[in-house]
Amino acid sequence: MTNLHEEDKSFYETTLNEAKHKIEIIDSKIEEELARVKETINSLQEQKKAVRQIYDGAAVILDVQNEFENEEEGEE
């Protein structure tokens, strides 16, 4: 480490602490955004599941090919 004057050392310590604080704020915002996105994805997956049940039932009643059965096999 280089020898710093007290004024320079104080400046860099302040800069270091401010940067650390900003990083912590950004990390917190990232976590909040990830939680929001996960919530949205879960909600969409539940909606898809409900609509898929309707589609599956209609395909059986109409005796038509279920287009999503092949997709399901590829996911497993």
C-alpha atoms as a PDB file:
ATOM      1  CA  MET A   1       0.000   0.000   0.000  1.00  0.00           C
ATOM      2  CA  THR A   2       1.232   3.461  -0.803  1.00  0.00           C
ATOM      3  CA  ASN A   3       1.656   6.117   1.812  1.00  0.00           C
ATOM      4  CA  LEU A   4      -1.299   8.469   1.612  1.00  0.00           C
ATOM      5  CA  HIS A   5      -1.745  11.828   3.208  1.00  0.00           C
ATOM      6  CA  GLU A   6      -4.451  11.818   5.841  1.00  0.00           C
ATOM      7  CA  GLU A   7      -6.748  13.895   3.599  1.00  0.00           C
ATOM      8  CA  ASP A   8      -6.327  11.457   0.678  1.00  0.00           C
ATOM      9  CA  LYS A   9      -6.822   8.456   2.956  1.00  0.00           C
ATOM     10  CA  SER A  10     -10.033   9.968   4.301  1.00  0.00           C
ATOM     11  CA  PHE A  11     -11.268  10.641   0.754  1.00  0.00           C
ATOM     12  CA  TYR A  12     -10.683   7.054  -0.353  1.00  0.00           C
ATOM     13  CA  GLU A  13     -12.216   5.593   2.802  1.00  0.00           C
ATOM     14  CA  THR A  14     -15.317   7.710   2.238  1.00  0.00           C
ATOM     15  CA  THR A  15     -15.401   6.665  -1.426  1.00  0.00           C
ATOM     16  CA  LEU A  16     -14.997   3.011  -0.448  1.00  0.00           C
ATOM     17  CA  ASN A  17     -17.829   3.163   2.078  1.00  0.00           C
ATOM     18  CA  GLU A  18     -20.171   5.002  -0.293  1.00  0.00           C
ATOM     19  CA  ALA A  19     -19.473   2.515  -3.100  1.00  0.00           C
ATOM     20  CA  LYS A  20     -20.064  -0.410  -0.725  1.00  0.00           C
ATOM     21  CA  HIS A  21     -23.368   1.108   0.381  1.00  0.00           C
ATOM     22  CA  LYS A  22     -24.475   1.625  -3.237  1.00  0.00           C
ATOM     23  CA  ILE A  23     -23.574  -1.986  -4.064  1.00  0.00           C
ATOM     24  CA  GLU A  24     -25.690  -3.170  -1.133  1.00  0.00           C
ATOM     25  CA  ILE A  25     -28.625  -1.049  -2.338  1.00  0.00           C
ATOM     26  CA  ILE A  26     -28.291  -2.454  -5.870  1.00  0.00           C
ATOM     27  CA  ASP A  27     -28.084  -6.017  -4.528  1.00  0.00           C
ATOM     28  CA  SER A  28     -31.250  -5.399  -2.547  1.00  0.00           C
ATOM     29  CA  LYS A  29     -33.043  -4.044  -5.619  1.00  0.00           C
ATOM     30  CA  ILE A  30     -31.910  -7.063  -7.634  1.00  0.00           C
ATOM     31  CA  GLU A  31     -33.332  -9.415  -4.997  1.00  0.00           C
ATOM     32  CA  GLU A  32     -36.623  -7.508  -4.947  1.00  0.00           C
ATOM     33  CA  GLU A  33     -36.876  -7.639  -8.736  1.00  0.00           C
ATOM     34  CA  LEU A  34     -36.051 -11.360  -8.819  1.00  0.00           C
ATOM     35  CA  ALA A  35     -38.754 -12.030  -6.235  1.00  0.00           C
ATOM     36  CA  ARG A  36     -41.258 -10.029  -8.307  1.00  0.00           C
ATOM     37  CA  VAL A  37     -40.331 -11.905 -11.489  1.00  0.00           C
ATOM     38  CA  LYS A  38     -40.567 -15.284  -9.735  1.00  0.00           C
ATOM     39  CA  GLU A  39     -44.007 -14.319  -8.446  1.00  0.00           C
ATOM     40  CA  THR A  40     -45.120 -13.342 -11.949  1.00  0.00           C
ATOM     41  CA  ILE A  41     -43.774 -16.585 -13.413  1.00  0.00           C
ATOM     42  CA  ASN A  42     -45.564 -18.649 -10.750  1.00  0.00           C
ATOM     43  CA  SER A  43     -48.814 -16.827 -11.429  1.00  0.00           C
ATOM     44  CA  LEU A  44     -48.482 -17.375 -15.184  1.00  0.00           C
ATOM     45  CA  GLN A  45     -47.673 -21.053 -14.672  1.00  0.00           C
ATOM     46  CA  GLU A  46     -50.809 -21.503 -12.558  1.00  0.00           C
ATOM     47  CA  GLN A  47     -52.894 -19.751 -15.214  1.00  0.00           C
ATOM     48  CA  LYS A  48     -51.373 -21.948 -17.896  1.00  0.00           C
ATOM     49  CA  LYS A  49     -52.105 -25.059 -15.847  1.00  0.00           C
ATOM     50  CA  ALA A  50     -55.761 -24.078 -15.447  1.00  0.00           C
ATOM     51  CA  VAL A  51     -56.208 -23.261 -19.130  1.00  0.00           C
ATOM     52  CA  ARG A  52     -54.370 -26.435 -20.075  1.00  0.00           C
ATOM     53  CA  GLN A  53     -56.902 -28.500 -18.118  1.00  0.00           C
ATOM     54  CA  ILE A  54     -59.698 -26.823 -20.063  1.00  0.00           C
ATOM     55  CA  TYR A  55     -57.893 -27.484 -23.348  1.00  0.00           C
ATOM     56  CA  ASP A  56     -57.199 -31.129 -22.450  1.00  0.00           C
ATOM     57  CA  GLY A  57     -60.850 -31.665 -21.547  1.00  0.00           C
ATOM     58  CA  ALA A  58     -62.103 -30.060 -24.744  1.00  0.00           C
ATOM     59  CA  ALA A  59     -59.681 -32.155 -26.832  1.00  0.00           C
ATOM     60  CA  VAL A  60     -61.001 -35.347 -25.213  1.00  0.00           C
ATOM     61  CA  ILE A  61     -64.647 -34.353 -25.683  1.00  0.00           C
ATOM     62  CA  LEU A  62     -64.045 -33.439 -29.335  1.00  0.00           C
ATOM     63  CA  ASP A  63     -61.844 -36.507 -29.847  1.00  0.00           C
ATOM     64  CA  VAL A  64     -59.086 -34.429 -31.453  1.00  0.00           C
ATOM     65  CA  GLN A  65     -55.340 -34.637 -31.124  1.00  0.00           C
ATOM     66  CA  ASN A  66     -53.965 -32.776 -28.125  1.00  0.00           C
ATOM     67  CA  GLU A  67     -51.207 -30.594 -29.585  1.00  0.00           C
ATOM     68  CA  PHE A  68     -49.600 -30.084 -26.181  1.00  0.00           C
ATOM     69  CA  GLU A  69     -49.038 -33.763 -25.323  1.00  0.00           C
ATOM     70  CA  ASN A  70     -45.878 -33.822 -27.460  1.00  0.00           C
ATOM     71  CA  GLU A  71     -44.555 -30.675 -25.757  1.00  0.00           C
ATOM     72  CA  GLU A  72     -45.117 -32.291 -22.375  1.00  0.00           C
ATOM     73  CA  GLU A  73     -43.114 -35.375 -23.329  1.00  0.00           C
ATOM     74  CA  GLY A  74     -40.195 -33.186 -24.409  1.00  0.00           C
ATOM     75  CA  GLU A  75     -40.207 -31.340 -21.080  1.00  0.00           C
ATOM     76  CA  GLU A  76     -39.959 -34.475 -18.951  1.00  0.00           C
END
